[in-house]
Amino acid sequence: DPIGGTEATVIRVAEMLDALVIQHSRFEDAGRYRAPCVALPNPTHVITLRDPLAAIELSKRFPRSRHFLWLHDLCDRRTQRGLELARHSTLLAERDISIVCVSQYHANQVRTTLKHVAPDMLKVSHIYNPVDVTCHSSVQRDPNKIVFFSSPHKGLSHTIRVLEYLRYDNPKLTLYLANPGYNPSISTTIDGIVNLG
C-alpha cells in the first residue's frame, strides 16, 4: 500500500543504516521495527521523529547517545508544532539535542520560530529526504518531467502557478502529481498535469 513521505523516508534510512525503529503504536516486534517496551542496547545515536518531549525523555534514557530531533512538519511559531518546539527549546538545548529539518527553508523557519526563545542555543541543520534511485538507473532522464509527490497542502497551488508560468517558454513541461492520501487530491484540467493518484 502507498505510504506517506515521512514513513517512506524512515524506512529507507533505517534500511540503509541497518537501524532499529521503535514505533509507539506497535505492540509486537517485526524485524527492525520494534515495540516501545523492547530492551535496547545502548545506541550510539538516537533519532526521534517530530516529538520534542519524546526526544528529551529518550535523552534521559540513553545519556551516552547523541540525540537528534528529526522534524518533518513546518514549525511556524503560530502553529501547534511550532509552539511545542518553542516550549521545549530550553530543555532540548540543555540535553544537547540537535534538530534536523528536511530542507533549508524548513531549517530557516525553525530558526525563526526559536529566535525569540532560544537564539543560537540549538543546533539546526537540514538533510533532504533520500530518494531511492537504484532501481531506476537505466531510466532515461526526462528534462520536461517534474514531480510533486506530497500532500497538496504542502505547496501544490504554488507549484501549479509556477508550472503555468514555465509552460509559456516550454509547453512540453509536464507536472506529475502523487498524493499519499491523508488530504484530498485536487482535480484539475490544467494542461501539463498528470495526476497519478
Protein backbone atom coordinates (compact mmCIF):
# COMPACT_ATOMS: atom_id res chain seq x y z
CA ASP A 1 0.00 0.00 0.00
CA PRO A 2 1.15 3.58 -0.57
CA ILE A 3 2.66 5.31 2.45
CA GLY A 4 3.48 8.91 3.25
CA GLY A 5 6.82 10.55 2.54
CA THR A 6 7.96 10.64 6.16
CA GLU A 7 7.24 6.94 6.64
CA ALA A 8 8.98 6.05 3.37
CA THR A 9 12.00 8.12 4.41
CA VAL A 10 12.21 6.41 7.81
CA ILE A 11 12.15 3.01 6.10
CA ARG A 12 14.88 3.98 3.60
CA VAL A 13 17.15 5.48 6.26
CA ALA A 14 16.64 2.57 8.69
CA GLU A 15 17.44 0.04 5.97
CA MET A 16 20.49 1.95 4.73
CA LEU A 17 21.86 2.30 8.29
CA ASP A 18 20.68 -1.14 9.45
CA ALA A 19 18.99 0.68 12.34
CA LEU A 20 16.18 -0.27 14.69
CA VAL A 21 12.90 1.67 14.51
CA ILE A 22 10.84 1.96 17.69
CA GLN A 23 7.18 2.69 16.89
CA HIS A 24 4.97 3.98 19.70
CA SER A 25 1.87 2.30 18.21
CA ARG A 26 3.46 -1.15 17.71
CA PHE A 27 2.64 -4.00 20.10
CA GLU A 28 4.94 -6.71 18.74
CA ASP A 29 8.31 -6.72 17.03
CA ALA A 30 8.70 -7.34 13.30
CA GLY A 31 12.33 -7.38 12.17
CA ARG A 32 13.91 -3.97 12.70
CA TYR A 33 10.52 -2.47 13.70
CA ARG A 34 10.09 -2.77 17.46
CA ALA A 35 7.53 -2.11 20.17
CA PRO A 36 8.44 0.67 22.62
CA CYS A 37 8.91 -1.64 25.60
CA VAL A 38 11.77 -3.50 23.92
CA ALA A 39 15.07 -3.65 25.83
CA LEU A 40 17.66 -1.89 23.71
CA PRO A 41 21.43 -1.99 23.82
CA ASN A 42 22.97 1.42 24.37
CA PRO A 43 22.69 3.02 20.93
CA THR A 44 25.34 5.41 19.64
CA HIS A 45 22.70 7.67 18.09
CA VAL A 46 19.01 8.19 18.81
CA ILE A 47 16.80 9.97 16.29
CA THR A 48 13.35 11.00 17.48
CA LEU A 49 10.77 11.82 14.87
CA ARG A 50 8.75 15.02 15.36
CA ASP A 51 8.19 14.92 19.14
CA PRO A 52 10.40 17.26 21.23
CA LEU A 53 9.18 15.86 24.55
CA ALA A 54 9.92 12.27 23.45
CA ALA A 55 13.41 13.37 22.36
CA ILE A 56 14.02 14.85 25.82
CA GLU A 57 12.80 11.68 27.56
CA LEU A 58 14.95 9.45 25.33
CA SER A 59 17.99 11.62 26.03
CA LYS A 60 17.50 10.78 29.71
CA ARG A 61 17.06 7.08 28.98
CA PHE A 62 20.18 6.97 26.78
CA PRO A 63 22.50 9.64 28.22
CA ARG A 64 25.63 8.42 26.36
CA SER A 65 23.99 8.59 22.92
CA ARG A 66 23.96 11.51 20.50
CA HIS A 67 20.40 12.76 20.11
CA PHE A 68 18.58 14.29 17.17
CA LEU A 69 15.05 15.60 16.75
CA TRP A 70 14.07 14.97 13.12
CA LEU A 71 11.32 17.39 12.13
CA HIS A 72 9.14 16.72 9.10
CA ASP A 73 6.44 19.34 9.57
CA LEU A 74 6.55 23.07 9.20
CA CYS A 75 7.01 24.71 12.60
CA ASP A 76 5.90 28.27 12.17
CA ARG A 77 5.59 29.88 15.59
CA ARG A 78 1.85 30.32 15.04
CA THR A 79 1.29 26.56 14.61
CA GLN A 80 0.82 23.95 17.31
CA ARG A 81 4.07 22.21 16.31
CA GLY A 82 5.97 25.49 16.40
CA LEU A 83 4.59 26.41 19.81
CA GLU A 84 5.50 22.97 21.16
CA LEU A 85 9.03 23.22 19.77
CA ALA A 86 9.49 26.67 21.32
CA ARG A 87 8.07 25.48 24.65
CA HIS A 88 10.65 22.69 24.90
CA SER A 89 13.59 24.53 23.31
CA THR A 90 15.47 25.22 26.54
CA LEU A 91 15.38 21.55 27.56
CA LEU A 92 16.35 20.47 24.05
CA ALA A 93 19.40 22.75 24.28
CA GLU A 94 20.27 21.58 27.80
CA ARG A 95 20.11 17.94 26.65
CA ASP A 96 22.26 18.79 23.57
CA ILE A 97 19.62 17.54 21.14
CA SER A 98 20.30 18.66 17.58
CA ILE A 99 17.40 19.48 15.26
CA VAL A 100 17.38 18.10 11.73
CA CYS A 101 14.96 19.56 9.17
CA VAL A 102 14.10 18.32 5.68
CA SER A 103 15.05 21.44 3.69
CA GLN A 104 16.91 24.70 4.01
CA TYR A 105 13.57 26.54 4.01
CA HIS A 106 12.33 24.30 6.83
CA ALA A 107 15.52 24.87 8.87
CA ASN A 108 15.26 28.64 8.43
CA GLN A 109 11.64 28.53 9.57
CA VAL A 110 12.64 26.58 12.69
CA ARG A 111 15.41 29.10 13.44
CA THR A 112 12.89 31.94 13.09
CA THR A 113 10.49 30.15 15.45
CA LEU A 114 13.24 29.67 18.02
CA LYS A 115 14.97 33.05 17.75
CA HIS A 116 12.72 34.60 20.41
CA VAL A 117 13.17 31.81 22.95
CA ALA A 118 16.48 30.07 22.21
CA PRO A 119 18.63 32.17 19.89
CA ASP A 120 21.72 30.19 18.85
CA MET A 121 21.22 27.67 21.68
CA LEU A 122 20.13 24.79 19.44
CA LYS A 123 21.96 23.22 16.52
CA VAL A 124 19.62 23.27 13.50
CA SER A 125 20.62 21.62 10.23
CA HIS A 126 18.89 20.08 7.24
CA ILE A 127 19.16 16.86 5.26
CA TYR A 128 16.92 16.32 2.27
CA ASN A 129 14.79 13.17 2.28
CA PRO A 130 16.60 10.41 0.37
CA VAL A 131 15.12 9.11 -2.85
CA ASP A 132 15.92 5.54 -3.88
CA VAL A 133 17.03 5.71 -7.50
CA THR A 134 18.90 2.39 -7.64
CA CYS A 135 16.00 0.60 -9.31
CA HIS A 136 15.76 3.35 -11.94
CA SER A 137 19.38 3.62 -13.04
CA SER A 138 18.53 2.54 -16.59
CA VAL A 139 15.65 5.01 -16.94
CA GLN A 140 16.34 7.89 -19.30
CA ARG A 141 16.12 11.31 -17.63
CA ASP A 142 13.29 13.45 -18.99
CA PRO A 143 14.12 17.19 -18.69
CA ASN A 144 10.45 18.04 -19.32
CA LYS A 145 9.14 15.99 -16.38
CA ILE A 146 8.78 17.47 -12.91
CA VAL A 147 7.12 15.83 -9.91
CA PHE A 148 5.18 16.83 -6.82
CA PHE A 149 4.92 13.76 -4.59
CA SER A 150 3.40 15.12 -1.42
CA SER A 151 0.18 16.20 0.21
CA PRO A 152 -1.50 19.07 -1.71
CA HIS A 153 -1.34 21.44 1.28
CA LYS A 154 2.47 21.45 1.09
CA GLY A 155 2.71 23.95 -1.74
CA LEU A 156 0.88 22.38 -4.67
CA SER A 157 -1.06 25.54 -5.57
CA HIS A 158 2.22 27.47 -5.80
CA THR A 159 3.79 24.66 -7.84
CA ILE A 160 0.90 24.78 -10.32
CA ARG A 161 1.27 28.56 -10.71
CA VAL A 162 4.99 28.10 -11.40
CA LEU A 163 4.21 25.32 -13.91
CA GLU A 164 1.78 27.56 -15.79
CA TYR A 165 4.40 30.32 -15.91
CA LEU A 166 7.16 27.97 -17.11
CA ARG A 167 4.96 26.38 -19.77
CA TYR A 168 4.87 29.70 -21.65
CA ASP A 169 8.52 29.09 -22.57
CA ASN A 170 8.37 25.28 -22.60
CA PRO A 171 4.93 23.84 -23.44
CA LYS A 172 6.34 20.29 -23.17
CA LEU A 173 6.91 20.69 -19.43
CA THR A 174 4.71 18.20 -17.52
CA LEU A 175 3.98 18.01 -13.80
CA TYR A 176 3.29 14.56 -12.31
CA LEU A 177 1.34 14.53 -9.04
CA ALA A 178 1.15 11.79 -6.43
CA ASN A 179 -0.68 12.18 -3.13
CA PRO A 180 -0.03 9.95 -0.08
CA GLY A 181 -3.74 10.28 0.69
CA TYR A 182 -4.05 11.96 4.08
CA ASN A 183 -5.54 15.06 2.43
CA PRO A 184 -7.87 15.07 -0.58
CA SER A 185 -6.36 15.27 -4.05
CA ILE A 186 -7.10 18.18 -6.31
CA SER A 187 -8.98 17.69 -9.52
CA THR A 188 -7.62 19.77 -12.32
CA THR A 189 -7.92 20.01 -16.07
CA ILE A 190 -4.86 22.21 -16.48
CA ASP A 191 -2.69 21.28 -19.46
CA GLY A 192 0.59 19.69 -18.48
CA ILE A 193 -0.56 17.96 -15.29
CA VAL A 194 -0.72 14.18 -14.89
CA ASN A 195 -2.42 13.10 -11.67
CA LEU A 196 -1.07 9.69 -10.64
CA GLY A 197 -3.39 9.41 -7.66
